[in-house]
């Protein structure tokens, strides 16, 4: 059985002490992936942004808020893990400067200068050893398969799970699981619990070594 690091939920990037940039990720898919991994007998570490869902008690959960915090937690945990499933939707941008006090209205436009946050899956993909694997999630609104395959290569992933914005905060979704050559290994629609089981089954068959046969 494997020790799996799973990221889940959104992150927040603060503009001032009370306002932040984020997204509508609910953590439902991450929760389902965690449950499926535990059911399959794996040990699980979850690095989660702010969510309302509850993760299974058997999982070790590390709560974070910002993308940088999520990256630091993952860098600390990943060396002791067999693989990563990057289900989280980290905020891709953060303000170059965070206001020390609450920003007040001036009657005019507010201009923000945003910079990219670190890419967590890509960073871990670059650092994995030959025995480790990484699986990413790509939420795409157009040219989904093409864009997901490009992300698979850029992030050094072994598999990429493709979904659409309809998955956000929904009980059901549709996914495709892509191999590095572009082959669709599996696809399905339905409850996220069912899709999570399919993801774990595909990871097991494609990336995990078979257990030795008993004589």
N, C-alpha and C. Protein backbone atom coordinates (compact mmCIF):
# COMPACT_ATOMS: atom_id res chain seq x y z
N UNK A 1 0.83 -1.20 0.00
CA UNK A 1 0.00 0.00 0.00
C UNK A 1 0.87 1.26 0.00
N UNK A 2 0.31 2.34 -0.47
CA UNK A 2 1.09 3.56 -0.66
C UNK A 2 0.78 4.60 0.42
N UNK A 3 1.70 5.53 0.57
CA UNK A 3 1.48 6.72 1.39
C UNK A 3 1.27 7.86 0.41
N UNK A 4 0.08 8.45 0.41
CA UNK A 4 -0.31 9.39 -0.63
C UNK A 4 -0.56 10.77 -0.04
N UNK A 5 0.03 11.76 -0.69
CA UNK A 5 -0.21 13.17 -0.35
C UNK A 5 -1.30 13.70 -1.26
N UNK A 6 -2.35 14.27 -0.69
CA UNK A 6 -3.48 14.78 -1.46
C UNK A 6 -3.69 16.25 -1.09
N UNK A 7 -3.73 17.11 -2.11
CA UNK A 7 -4.08 18.51 -1.86
C UNK A 7 -5.56 18.70 -2.20
N UNK A 8 -6.20 19.60 -1.49
CA UNK A 8 -7.65 19.75 -1.66
C UNK A 8 -8.08 21.16 -1.32
N UNK A 9 -9.19 21.58 -1.95
CA UNK A 9 -9.80 22.86 -1.63
C UNK A 9 -9.12 24.04 -2.30
N UNK A 10 -9.59 25.25 -2.02
CA UNK A 10 -9.01 26.48 -2.57
C UNK A 10 -7.93 27.01 -1.66
N UNK A 11 -7.26 28.05 -2.09
CA UNK A 11 -6.43 28.84 -1.18
C UNK A 11 -6.90 30.29 -1.25
N UNK A 12 -6.39 31.09 -0.35
CA UNK A 12 -6.76 32.51 -0.29
C UNK A 12 -5.52 33.37 -0.37
N UNK A 13 -5.62 34.47 -1.09
CA UNK A 13 -4.52 35.44 -1.17
C UNK A 13 -5.08 36.80 -0.75
N UNK A 14 -4.62 37.30 0.36
CA UNK A 14 -5.22 38.49 0.95
C UNK A 14 -4.78 39.77 0.25
N UNK A 15 -5.75 40.68 0.09
CA UNK A 15 -5.50 42.03 -0.42
C UNK A 15 -5.21 42.98 0.73
N UNK A 16 -5.90 42.74 1.84
CA UNK A 16 -5.74 43.51 3.08
C UNK A 16 -6.16 42.57 4.21
N UNK A 17 -6.25 43.01 5.44
CA UNK A 17 -6.56 42.07 6.53
C UNK A 17 -7.92 41.38 6.44
N UNK A 18 -8.85 41.87 5.60
CA UNK A 18 -10.20 41.29 5.58
C UNK A 18 -10.65 40.82 4.20
N UNK A 19 -9.95 41.18 3.14
CA UNK A 19 -10.38 40.81 1.78
C UNK A 19 -9.33 39.91 1.14
N UNK A 20 -9.83 38.97 0.33
CA UNK A 20 -8.90 38.06 -0.33
C UNK A 20 -9.40 37.63 -1.70
N UNK A 21 -8.47 37.16 -2.52
CA UNK A 21 -8.78 36.49 -3.78
C UNK A 21 -8.87 35.00 -3.52
N UNK A 22 -9.83 34.34 -4.17
CA UNK A 22 -9.96 32.90 -4.01
C UNK A 22 -10.77 32.35 -5.17
N UNK A 23 -11.34 31.16 -5.00
CA UNK A 23 -12.23 30.57 -6.00
C UNK A 23 -13.28 29.73 -5.30
N UNK A 24 -14.18 29.13 -6.07
CA UNK A 24 -15.34 28.45 -5.49
C UNK A 24 -15.11 26.97 -5.22
N UNK A 25 -13.87 26.51 -5.23
CA UNK A 25 -13.60 25.10 -4.93
C UNK A 25 -14.14 24.75 -3.55
N UNK A 26 -14.87 23.63 -3.47
CA UNK A 26 -15.52 23.24 -2.22
C UNK A 26 -14.74 22.19 -1.44
N UNK A 27 -13.80 21.50 -2.09
CA UNK A 27 -13.10 20.40 -1.45
C UNK A 27 -13.83 19.07 -1.56
N UNK A 28 -14.98 19.05 -2.26
CA UNK A 28 -15.75 17.81 -2.35
C UNK A 28 -15.00 16.70 -3.10
N UNK A 29 -14.34 17.07 -4.19
CA UNK A 29 -13.60 16.06 -4.93
C UNK A 29 -12.40 15.58 -4.12
N UNK A 30 -11.74 16.50 -3.46
CA UNK A 30 -10.64 16.10 -2.59
C UNK A 30 -11.10 15.16 -1.50
N UNK A 31 -12.22 15.47 -0.87
CA UNK A 31 -12.79 14.61 0.16
C UNK A 31 -13.07 13.21 -0.39
N UNK A 32 -13.62 13.15 -1.61
CA UNK A 32 -13.93 11.85 -2.22
C UNK A 32 -12.67 11.07 -2.55
N UNK A 33 -11.64 11.77 -3.03
CA UNK A 33 -10.36 11.11 -3.33
C UNK A 33 -9.73 10.55 -2.05
N UNK A 34 -9.77 11.33 -0.98
CA UNK A 34 -9.24 10.87 0.30
C UNK A 34 -9.96 9.61 0.75
N UNK A 35 -11.29 9.63 0.69
CA UNK A 35 -12.08 8.47 1.13
C UNK A 35 -11.77 7.24 0.27
N UNK A 36 -11.63 7.43 -1.04
CA UNK A 36 -11.33 6.31 -1.93
C UNK A 36 -9.94 5.74 -1.66
N UNK A 37 -8.98 6.62 -1.39
CA UNK A 37 -7.62 6.15 -1.10
C UNK A 37 -7.58 5.36 0.20
N UNK A 38 -8.27 5.84 1.21
CA UNK A 38 -8.32 5.11 2.48
C UNK A 38 -9.02 3.77 2.32
N UNK A 39 -10.10 3.75 1.56
CA UNK A 39 -10.84 2.52 1.33
C UNK A 39 -9.97 1.48 0.64
N UNK A 40 -9.06 1.96 -0.24
CA UNK A 40 -8.17 1.05 -0.95
C UNK A 40 -7.01 0.57 -0.08
N UNK A 41 -6.92 1.09 1.15
CA UNK A 41 -5.90 0.63 2.07
C UNK A 41 -4.67 1.49 2.17
N UNK A 42 -4.67 2.64 1.51
CA UNK A 42 -3.51 3.53 1.54
C UNK A 42 -3.55 4.42 2.77
N UNK A 43 -2.40 4.95 3.16
CA UNK A 43 -2.36 5.99 4.19
C UNK A 43 -2.35 7.34 3.48
N UNK A 44 -2.99 8.32 4.08
CA UNK A 44 -3.24 9.59 3.39
C UNK A 44 -2.86 10.78 4.26
N UNK A 45 -2.18 11.72 3.65
CA UNK A 45 -1.94 13.04 4.24
C UNK A 45 -2.64 14.06 3.35
N UNK A 46 -3.51 14.85 3.93
CA UNK A 46 -4.25 15.88 3.19
C UNK A 46 -3.71 17.25 3.55
N UNK A 47 -3.34 18.03 2.54
CA UNK A 47 -3.03 19.44 2.75
C UNK A 47 -4.20 20.21 2.16
N UNK A 48 -4.99 20.83 3.01
CA UNK A 48 -6.26 21.42 2.58
C UNK A 48 -6.33 22.91 2.85
N UNK A 49 -6.86 23.62 1.87
CA UNK A 49 -7.22 25.01 2.06
C UNK A 49 -8.54 25.09 2.82
N UNK A 50 -9.10 26.31 3.00
CA UNK A 50 -10.33 26.49 3.78
C UNK A 50 -11.54 25.85 3.09
N UNK A 51 -12.13 24.86 3.70
CA UNK A 51 -13.31 24.17 3.16
C UNK A 51 -14.31 23.91 4.27
N UNK A 52 -15.55 23.60 3.88
CA UNK A 52 -16.58 23.23 4.84
C UNK A 52 -16.70 21.72 4.99
N UNK A 53 -16.19 20.96 4.02
CA UNK A 53 -16.30 19.51 4.09
C UNK A 53 -15.41 18.97 5.20
N UNK A 54 -15.75 17.78 5.66
CA UNK A 54 -14.94 17.09 6.66
C UNK A 54 -14.25 15.90 6.00
N UNK A 55 -12.97 15.77 6.25
CA UNK A 55 -12.23 14.65 5.71
C UNK A 55 -12.34 13.45 6.65
N UNK A 56 -12.22 12.23 6.11
CA UNK A 56 -12.30 11.05 6.98
C UNK A 56 -11.29 11.11 8.12
N UNK A 57 -11.70 10.60 9.27
CA UNK A 57 -10.88 10.70 10.47
C UNK A 57 -9.55 9.96 10.32
N UNK A 58 -9.48 8.96 9.46
CA UNK A 58 -8.25 8.18 9.30
C UNK A 58 -7.16 8.93 8.56
N UNK A 59 -7.51 10.04 7.93
CA UNK A 59 -6.51 10.83 7.20
C UNK A 59 -5.85 11.84 8.13
N UNK A 60 -4.57 12.07 7.88
CA UNK A 60 -3.86 13.16 8.57
C UNK A 60 -4.11 14.44 7.78
N UNK A 61 -4.64 15.47 8.42
CA UNK A 61 -5.03 16.69 7.73
C UNK A 61 -4.18 17.87 8.20
N UNK A 62 -3.60 18.57 7.23
CA UNK A 62 -2.84 19.78 7.51
C UNK A 62 -3.60 20.95 6.89
N UNK A 63 -4.06 21.87 7.71
CA UNK A 63 -4.84 23.00 7.25
C UNK A 63 -3.92 24.17 6.89
N UNK A 64 -4.16 24.74 5.71
CA UNK A 64 -3.39 25.91 5.27
C UNK A 64 -4.37 26.95 4.72
N UNK A 65 -3.85 28.12 4.41
CA UNK A 65 -4.73 29.16 3.87
C UNK A 65 -4.23 29.67 2.52
N UNK A 66 -2.97 30.01 2.40
CA UNK A 66 -2.46 30.58 1.17
C UNK A 66 -1.77 29.53 0.30
N UNK A 67 -1.53 29.88 -0.96
CA UNK A 67 -0.82 28.98 -1.86
C UNK A 67 0.59 28.71 -1.37
N UNK A 68 1.27 29.72 -0.89
CA UNK A 68 2.63 29.53 -0.37
C UNK A 68 2.64 28.59 0.83
N UNK A 69 1.64 28.70 1.69
CA UNK A 69 1.55 27.78 2.83
C UNK A 69 1.31 26.36 2.36
N UNK A 70 0.46 26.19 1.35
CA UNK A 70 0.20 24.85 0.82
C UNK A 70 1.47 24.25 0.22
N UNK A 71 2.22 25.08 -0.50
CA UNK A 71 3.46 24.59 -1.08
C UNK A 71 4.45 24.18 0.00
N UNK A 72 4.61 24.99 1.03
CA UNK A 72 5.56 24.65 2.09
C UNK A 72 5.19 23.35 2.77
N UNK A 73 3.89 23.17 3.04
CA UNK A 73 3.45 21.93 3.68
C UNK A 73 3.71 20.72 2.78
N UNK A 74 3.45 20.88 1.49
CA UNK A 74 3.66 19.78 0.55
C UNK A 74 5.15 19.44 0.41
N UNK A 75 5.99 20.45 0.36
CA UNK A 75 7.43 20.21 0.27
C UNK A 75 7.94 19.47 1.50
N UNK A 76 7.35 19.73 2.65
CA UNK A 76 7.75 19.05 3.88
C UNK A 76 7.30 17.60 3.90
N UNK A 77 6.12 17.32 3.35
CA UNK A 77 5.54 15.98 3.44
C UNK A 77 5.87 15.07 2.27
N UNK A 78 6.08 15.64 1.09
CA UNK A 78 6.20 14.82 -0.13
C UNK A 78 7.38 13.85 -0.11
N UNK A 79 8.54 14.21 0.44
CA UNK A 79 9.65 13.26 0.42
C UNK A 79 9.35 11.91 1.07
N UNK A 80 8.43 11.88 2.03
CA UNK A 80 8.09 10.64 2.73
C UNK A 80 6.89 9.94 2.10
N UNK A 81 6.40 10.44 0.95
CA UNK A 81 5.22 9.87 0.30
C UNK A 81 5.60 9.16 -0.99
N UNK A 82 4.73 8.24 -1.40
CA UNK A 82 4.93 7.54 -2.67
C UNK A 82 4.41 8.34 -3.85
N UNK A 83 3.40 9.15 -3.60
CA UNK A 83 2.83 9.91 -4.71
C UNK A 83 1.98 11.07 -4.24
N UNK A 84 1.65 11.92 -5.21
CA UNK A 84 0.81 13.10 -4.98
C UNK A 84 -0.40 13.05 -5.88
N UNK A 85 -1.57 13.38 -5.32
CA UNK A 85 -2.77 13.64 -6.12
C UNK A 85 -3.15 15.09 -5.85
N UNK A 86 -2.93 15.96 -6.85
CA UNK A 86 -3.15 17.38 -6.68
C UNK A 86 -4.57 17.78 -7.07
N UNK A 87 -5.48 17.66 -6.13
CA UNK A 87 -6.90 17.95 -6.39
C UNK A 87 -7.22 19.42 -6.08
N UNK A 88 -6.37 20.07 -5.29
CA UNK A 88 -6.65 21.44 -4.86
C UNK A 88 -6.72 22.40 -6.04
N UNK A 89 -7.39 23.51 -5.80
CA UNK A 89 -7.46 24.61 -6.78
C UNK A 89 -6.81 25.84 -6.16
N UNK A 90 -5.47 25.84 -6.07
CA UNK A 90 -4.80 26.98 -5.44
C UNK A 90 -5.03 28.27 -6.23
N UNK A 91 -5.12 29.37 -5.52
CA UNK A 91 -5.26 30.66 -6.17
C UNK A 91 -4.01 30.92 -7.00
N UNK A 92 -4.18 31.23 -8.28
CA UNK A 92 -3.05 31.37 -9.21
C UNK A 92 -2.34 32.71 -9.11
N UNK A 93 -2.98 33.71 -8.51
CA UNK A 93 -2.41 35.04 -8.44
C UNK A 93 -2.53 35.59 -7.02
N UNK A 94 -1.62 36.49 -6.69
CA UNK A 94 -1.67 37.19 -5.41
C UNK A 94 -1.26 38.64 -5.65
N UNK A 95 -1.71 39.56 -4.81
CA UNK A 95 -1.30 40.95 -4.99
C UNK A 95 0.19 41.12 -4.72
N UNK A 96 0.82 41.96 -5.50
CA UNK A 96 2.25 42.20 -5.27
C UNK A 96 2.47 42.78 -3.87
N UNK A 97 1.53 43.62 -3.44
CA UNK A 97 1.62 44.20 -2.10
C UNK A 97 0.30 43.99 -1.37
N UNK A 98 0.38 43.62 -0.12
CA UNK A 98 -0.80 43.46 0.73
C UNK A 98 -0.91 44.68 1.62
N UNK A 99 -2.08 45.32 1.62
CA UNK A 99 -2.28 46.52 2.44
C UNK A 99 -2.24 46.16 3.92
N UNK A 100 -1.56 46.97 4.71
CA UNK A 100 -1.45 46.71 6.15
C UNK A 100 -2.78 46.90 6.86
N UNK A 101 -3.59 47.84 6.38
CA UNK A 101 -4.90 48.10 6.97
C UNK A 101 -6.00 47.88 5.95
N UNK A 102 -7.24 47.88 6.41
CA UNK A 102 -8.37 47.69 5.51
C UNK A 102 -8.40 48.78 4.46
N UNK A 103 -8.54 48.36 3.19
CA UNK A 103 -8.62 49.32 2.09
C UNK A 103 -9.97 50.02 2.15
N UNK A 104 -9.97 51.33 2.15
CA UNK A 104 -11.22 52.08 2.22
C UNK A 104 -11.61 52.63 0.86
N UNK A 105 -12.88 52.89 0.68
CA UNK A 105 -13.38 53.43 -0.58
C UNK A 105 -12.88 54.87 -0.78
N UNK A 106 -12.59 55.18 -2.03
CA UNK A 106 -12.12 56.54 -2.35
C UNK A 106 -13.04 57.22 -3.37
N UNK A 107 -14.01 56.47 -3.89
CA UNK A 107 -14.86 57.00 -4.94
C UNK A 107 -14.30 56.78 -6.33
N UNK A 108 -13.11 56.20 -6.42
CA UNK A 108 -12.49 55.93 -7.71
C UNK A 108 -12.12 54.47 -7.85
N UNK A 109 -11.56 54.10 -9.00
CA UNK A 109 -11.18 52.71 -9.24
C UNK A 109 -10.05 52.28 -8.29
N UNK A 110 -10.02 50.99 -8.03
CA UNK A 110 -8.92 50.40 -7.26
C UNK A 110 -8.11 49.52 -8.20
N UNK A 111 -6.87 49.83 -8.36
CA UNK A 111 -6.01 49.07 -9.26
C UNK A 111 -5.11 48.12 -8.46
N UNK A 112 -5.14 46.86 -8.87
CA UNK A 112 -4.33 45.85 -8.21
C UNK A 112 -3.27 45.34 -9.17
N UNK A 113 -2.07 45.16 -8.69
CA UNK A 113 -1.03 44.52 -9.47
C UNK A 113 -0.87 43.10 -8.92
N UNK A 114 -1.14 42.11 -9.77
CA UNK A 114 -1.10 40.72 -9.35
C UNK A 114 0.11 40.00 -9.93
N UNK A 115 0.65 39.08 -9.16
CA UNK A 115 1.76 38.24 -9.62
C UNK A 115 1.35 36.78 -9.44
N UNK A 116 1.95 35.90 -10.21
CA UNK A 116 1.61 34.48 -10.12
C UNK A 116 2.11 33.89 -8.81
N UNK A 117 1.34 32.95 -8.30
CA UNK A 117 1.76 32.16 -7.14
C UNK A 117 2.52 30.93 -7.64
N UNK A 118 3.25 30.24 -6.76
CA UNK A 118 3.97 29.04 -7.19
C UNK A 118 3.02 27.95 -7.66
N UNK A 119 3.47 27.14 -8.63
CA UNK A 119 2.69 26.00 -9.10
C UNK A 119 3.09 24.79 -8.26
N UNK A 120 2.20 24.36 -7.40
CA UNK A 120 2.52 23.31 -6.43
C UNK A 120 2.79 21.97 -7.12
N UNK A 121 1.90 21.56 -8.01
CA UNK A 121 2.07 20.26 -8.68
C UNK A 121 3.34 20.26 -9.52
N UNK A 122 3.61 21.34 -10.24
CA UNK A 122 4.81 21.41 -11.07
C UNK A 122 6.07 21.36 -10.21
N UNK A 123 6.06 22.05 -9.08
CA UNK A 123 7.22 22.05 -8.20
C UNK A 123 7.52 20.65 -7.67
N UNK A 124 6.47 19.94 -7.23
CA UNK A 124 6.68 18.59 -6.72
C UNK A 124 7.03 17.63 -7.86
N UNK A 125 6.44 17.87 -9.03
CA UNK A 125 6.76 17.02 -10.18
C UNK A 125 8.22 17.10 -10.56
N UNK A 126 8.81 18.28 -10.43
CA UNK A 126 10.23 18.46 -10.72
C UNK A 126 11.12 17.80 -9.68
N UNK A 127 10.61 17.66 -8.46
CA UNK A 127 11.43 17.16 -7.36
C UNK A 127 11.23 15.67 -7.09
N UNK A 128 10.26 15.04 -7.71
CA UNK A 128 10.00 13.62 -7.40
C UNK A 128 11.19 12.76 -7.82
N UNK A 129 11.37 11.65 -7.09
CA UNK A 129 12.40 10.70 -7.46
C UNK A 129 11.81 9.65 -8.39
N UNK A 130 12.60 8.67 -8.78
CA UNK A 130 12.15 7.70 -9.78
C UNK A 130 11.04 6.78 -9.28
N UNK A 131 10.92 6.67 -7.97
CA UNK A 131 9.87 5.81 -7.42
C UNK A 131 8.57 6.57 -7.16
N UNK A 132 8.63 7.88 -7.14
CA UNK A 132 7.44 8.67 -6.84
C UNK A 132 6.67 9.01 -8.10
N UNK A 133 5.38 9.30 -7.93
CA UNK A 133 4.52 9.69 -9.05
C UNK A 133 3.68 10.90 -8.63
N UNK A 134 3.23 11.64 -9.64
CA UNK A 134 2.36 12.79 -9.39
C UNK A 134 1.19 12.76 -10.37
N UNK A 135 0.02 13.05 -9.86
CA UNK A 135 -1.22 13.11 -10.65
C UNK A 135 -1.85 14.47 -10.44
N UNK A 136 -2.14 15.16 -11.53
CA UNK A 136 -2.74 16.48 -11.44
C UNK A 136 -4.19 16.49 -11.87
N UNK A 137 -4.87 17.58 -11.55
CA UNK A 137 -6.24 17.82 -12.01
C UNK A 137 -6.21 19.08 -12.85
N UNK A 138 -6.87 19.05 -14.00
CA UNK A 138 -6.94 20.21 -14.89
C UNK A 138 -8.40 20.56 -15.13
N UNK A 139 -8.81 21.72 -14.63
CA UNK A 139 -10.17 22.20 -14.86
C UNK A 139 -10.11 23.15 -16.06
N UNK A 140 -10.76 22.77 -17.13
CA UNK A 140 -10.67 23.53 -18.39
C UNK A 140 -12.06 23.85 -18.91
N UNK A 141 -12.19 25.04 -19.49
CA UNK A 141 -13.48 25.46 -20.05
C UNK A 141 -13.53 25.31 -21.57
N UNK A 142 -12.38 25.12 -22.21
CA UNK A 142 -12.35 24.92 -23.66
C UNK A 142 -11.08 24.16 -24.03
N UNK A 143 -11.12 23.45 -25.17
CA UNK A 143 -9.97 22.65 -25.61
C UNK A 143 -9.41 21.84 -24.45
N UNK A 144 -10.31 21.19 -23.73
CA UNK A 144 -9.94 20.58 -22.45
C UNK A 144 -8.82 19.55 -22.58
N UNK A 145 -8.95 18.64 -23.53
CA UNK A 145 -7.94 17.57 -23.63
C UNK A 145 -6.58 18.13 -24.03
N UNK A 146 -6.58 19.06 -24.99
CA UNK A 146 -5.32 19.66 -25.44
C UNK A 146 -4.64 20.42 -24.31
N UNK A 147 -5.40 21.25 -23.61
CA UNK A 147 -4.82 22.05 -22.53
C UNK A 147 -4.35 21.16 -21.37
N UNK A 148 -5.13 20.12 -21.08
CA UNK A 148 -4.75 19.23 -19.99
C UNK A 148 -3.48 18.47 -20.30
N UNK A 149 -3.33 18.04 -21.55
CA UNK A 149 -2.11 17.34 -21.94
C UNK A 149 -0.90 18.27 -21.85
N UNK A 150 -1.09 19.52 -22.23
CA UNK A 150 0.01 20.49 -22.11
C UNK A 150 0.40 20.67 -20.65
N UNK A 151 -0.60 20.71 -19.77
CA UNK A 151 -0.31 20.83 -18.34
C UNK A 151 0.39 19.59 -17.81
N UNK A 152 -0.03 18.43 -18.28
CA UNK A 152 0.60 17.18 -17.86
C UNK A 152 2.10 17.23 -18.11
N UNK A 153 2.46 17.68 -19.30
CA UNK A 153 3.88 17.75 -19.66
C UNK A 153 4.60 18.84 -18.88
N UNK A 154 3.99 20.01 -18.78
CA UNK A 154 4.64 21.14 -18.12
C UNK A 154 4.83 20.90 -16.62
N UNK A 155 3.90 20.17 -16.02
CA UNK A 155 3.95 19.93 -14.58
C UNK A 155 4.65 18.62 -14.23
N UNK A 156 5.16 17.90 -15.24
CA UNK A 156 5.89 16.64 -15.00
C UNK A 156 5.00 15.60 -14.31
N UNK A 157 3.74 15.54 -14.73
CA UNK A 157 2.81 14.58 -14.13
C UNK A 157 2.87 13.23 -14.84
N UNK A 158 2.44 12.21 -14.12
CA UNK A 158 2.34 10.88 -14.69
C UNK A 158 0.95 10.62 -15.25
N UNK A 159 -0.06 11.28 -14.69
CA UNK A 159 -1.43 11.23 -15.19
C UNK A 159 -2.05 12.60 -14.97
N UNK A 160 -3.07 12.92 -15.77
CA UNK A 160 -3.82 14.16 -15.58
C UNK A 160 -5.31 13.86 -15.64
N UNK A 161 -6.03 14.33 -14.64
CA UNK A 161 -7.49 14.17 -14.59
C UNK A 161 -8.12 15.46 -15.09
N UNK A 162 -8.97 15.37 -16.08
CA UNK A 162 -9.58 16.54 -16.72
C UNK A 162 -11.03 16.69 -16.27
N UNK A 163 -11.40 17.89 -15.85
CA UNK A 163 -12.81 18.18 -15.58
C UNK A 163 -13.13 19.59 -16.07
N UNK A 164 -14.34 20.06 -15.82
CA UNK A 164 -14.80 21.35 -16.33
C UNK A 164 -15.30 22.21 -15.18
N UNK A 165 -15.58 23.50 -15.42
CA UNK A 165 -16.11 24.35 -14.35
C UNK A 165 -17.42 23.86 -13.74
N UNK A 166 -18.15 22.99 -14.45
CA UNK A 166 -19.39 22.45 -13.88
C UNK A 166 -19.13 21.61 -12.63
N UNK A 167 -17.89 21.21 -12.44
CA UNK A 167 -17.55 20.38 -11.28
C UNK A 167 -17.50 21.18 -9.98
N UNK A 168 -17.36 22.50 -10.09
CA UNK A 168 -17.13 23.33 -8.90
C UNK A 168 -18.33 23.28 -7.96
N UNK A 169 -18.08 22.87 -6.73
CA UNK A 169 -19.10 22.82 -5.67
C UNK A 169 -20.31 21.98 -6.06
N UNK A 170 -20.10 20.98 -6.90
CA UNK A 170 -21.18 20.10 -7.35
C UNK A 170 -21.01 18.71 -6.76
N UNK A 171 -22.12 18.01 -6.60
CA UNK A 171 -22.06 16.64 -6.07
C UNK A 171 -21.62 15.65 -7.14
N UNK A 172 -21.83 16.01 -8.42
CA UNK A 172 -21.47 15.12 -9.52
C UNK A 172 -20.56 15.86 -10.49
N UNK A 173 -19.87 15.09 -11.34
CA UNK A 173 -18.95 15.69 -12.28
C UNK A 173 -18.71 14.71 -13.43
N UNK A 174 -17.88 15.13 -14.37
CA UNK A 174 -17.42 14.28 -15.48
C UNK A 174 -15.91 14.44 -15.57
N UNK A 175 -15.22 13.32 -15.80
CA UNK A 175 -13.76 13.38 -15.87
C UNK A 175 -13.24 12.51 -17.02
N UNK A 176 -12.04 12.85 -17.46
CA UNK A 176 -11.22 11.99 -18.30
C UNK A 176 -9.86 11.88 -17.62
N UNK A 177 -9.24 10.72 -17.74
CA UNK A 177 -7.91 10.52 -17.18
C UNK A 177 -6.95 10.28 -18.33
N UNK A 178 -5.96 11.19 -18.47
CA UNK A 178 -5.05 11.15 -19.60
C UNK A 178 -3.68 10.61 -19.19
N UNK A 179 -3.10 9.82 -20.08
CA UNK A 179 -1.72 9.35 -19.96
C UNK A 179 -0.80 10.34 -20.67
N UNK A 180 0.51 10.28 -20.42
CA UNK A 180 1.43 11.24 -21.04
C UNK A 180 1.38 11.28 -22.56
N UNK A 181 1.07 10.18 -23.22
CA UNK A 181 0.99 10.18 -24.67
C UNK A 181 -0.31 10.72 -25.22
N UNK A 182 -1.23 11.11 -24.35
CA UNK A 182 -2.52 11.63 -24.77
C UNK A 182 -3.63 10.60 -24.76
N UNK A 183 -3.32 9.35 -24.44
CA UNK A 183 -4.33 8.30 -24.40
C UNK A 183 -5.32 8.55 -23.27
N UNK A 184 -6.61 8.38 -23.56
CA UNK A 184 -7.64 8.48 -22.53
C UNK A 184 -7.74 7.12 -21.85
N UNK A 185 -7.26 7.03 -20.64
CA UNK A 185 -7.24 5.76 -19.92
C UNK A 185 -8.60 5.40 -19.36
N UNK A 186 -9.38 6.42 -19.01
CA UNK A 186 -10.71 6.19 -18.44
C UNK A 186 -11.50 7.48 -18.51
N UNK A 187 -12.81 7.35 -18.55
CA UNK A 187 -13.70 8.51 -18.50
C UNK A 187 -15.01 8.07 -17.88
N UNK A 188 -15.64 9.01 -17.18
CA UNK A 188 -16.91 8.67 -16.52
C UNK A 188 -17.60 9.94 -16.07
N UNK A 189 -18.90 9.82 -15.81
CA UNK A 189 -19.70 10.88 -15.23
C UNK A 189 -20.49 10.29 -14.07
N UNK A 190 -20.76 11.13 -13.08
CA UNK A 190 -21.55 10.65 -11.97
C UNK A 190 -21.12 11.25 -10.66
N UNK A 191 -21.54 10.66 -9.54
CA UNK A 191 -21.17 11.17 -8.22
C UNK A 191 -19.65 11.21 -8.05
N UNK A 192 -19.17 12.19 -7.32
CA UNK A 192 -17.73 12.32 -7.15
C UNK A 192 -17.12 11.13 -6.44
N UNK A 193 -17.89 10.45 -5.60
CA UNK A 193 -17.38 9.24 -4.94
C UNK A 193 -17.04 8.17 -5.97
N UNK A 194 -17.90 8.03 -6.97
CA UNK A 194 -17.64 7.05 -8.03
C UNK A 194 -16.43 7.46 -8.87
N UNK A 195 -16.31 8.73 -9.18
CA UNK A 195 -15.18 9.21 -9.97
C UNK A 195 -13.88 9.06 -9.20
N UNK A 196 -13.92 9.30 -7.91
CA UNK A 196 -12.72 9.15 -7.08
C UNK A 196 -12.24 7.70 -7.09
N UNK A 197 -13.17 6.76 -7.02
CA UNK A 197 -12.79 5.34 -7.07
C UNK A 197 -12.13 5.01 -8.40
N UNK A 198 -12.64 5.60 -9.48
CA UNK A 198 -12.05 5.37 -10.80
C UNK A 198 -10.64 5.95 -10.86
N UNK A 199 -10.45 7.12 -10.30
CA UNK A 199 -9.11 7.73 -10.28
C UNK A 199 -8.14 6.83 -9.52
N UNK A 200 -8.53 6.36 -8.34
CA UNK A 200 -7.63 5.51 -7.55
C UNK A 200 -7.37 4.18 -8.25
N UNK A 201 -8.38 3.62 -8.89
CA UNK A 201 -8.19 2.37 -9.62
C UNK A 201 -7.20 2.56 -10.76
N UNK A 202 -7.29 3.68 -11.47
CA UNK A 202 -6.39 3.95 -12.58
C UNK A 202 -4.97 4.19 -12.09
N UNK A 203 -4.84 4.95 -11.01
CA UNK A 203 -3.51 5.17 -10.43
C UNK A 203 -2.89 3.84 -10.02
N UNK A 204 -3.69 2.99 -9.39
CA UNK A 204 -3.18 1.69 -8.94
C UNK A 204 -2.68 0.85 -10.11
N UNK A 205 -3.43 0.81 -11.19
CA UNK A 205 -3.06 -0.04 -12.33
C UNK A 205 -1.92 0.53 -13.14
N UNK A 206 -1.80 1.86 -13.16
CA UNK A 206 -0.80 2.50 -14.01
C UNK A 206 0.49 2.86 -13.30
N UNK A 207 0.42 3.18 -12.01
CA UNK A 207 1.57 3.79 -11.35
C UNK A 207 2.10 3.02 -10.15
N UNK A 208 1.30 2.13 -9.59
CA UNK A 208 1.74 1.42 -8.41
C UNK A 208 2.25 0.04 -8.77
N UNK A 209 3.40 -0.35 -8.24
CA UNK A 209 3.92 -1.68 -8.54
C UNK A 209 3.03 -2.76 -7.97
N UNK A 210 2.91 -3.86 -8.72
CA UNK A 210 2.10 -4.97 -8.25
C UNK A 210 2.75 -5.63 -7.04
N UNK A 211 1.93 -6.06 -6.11
CA UNK A 211 2.45 -6.75 -4.92
C UNK A 211 3.04 -8.10 -5.34
N UNK A 212 4.15 -8.52 -4.72
CA UNK A 212 4.73 -9.81 -5.08
C UNK A 212 3.80 -10.97 -4.77
N UNK A 213 3.81 -11.95 -5.62
CA UNK A 213 2.95 -13.13 -5.43
C UNK A 213 3.51 -14.00 -4.31
N UNK A 214 2.62 -14.50 -3.48
CA UNK A 214 3.01 -15.40 -2.43
C UNK A 214 3.17 -16.82 -2.99
N UNK A 215 4.26 -17.48 -2.61
CA UNK A 215 4.48 -18.86 -3.09
C UNK A 215 3.87 -19.85 -2.12
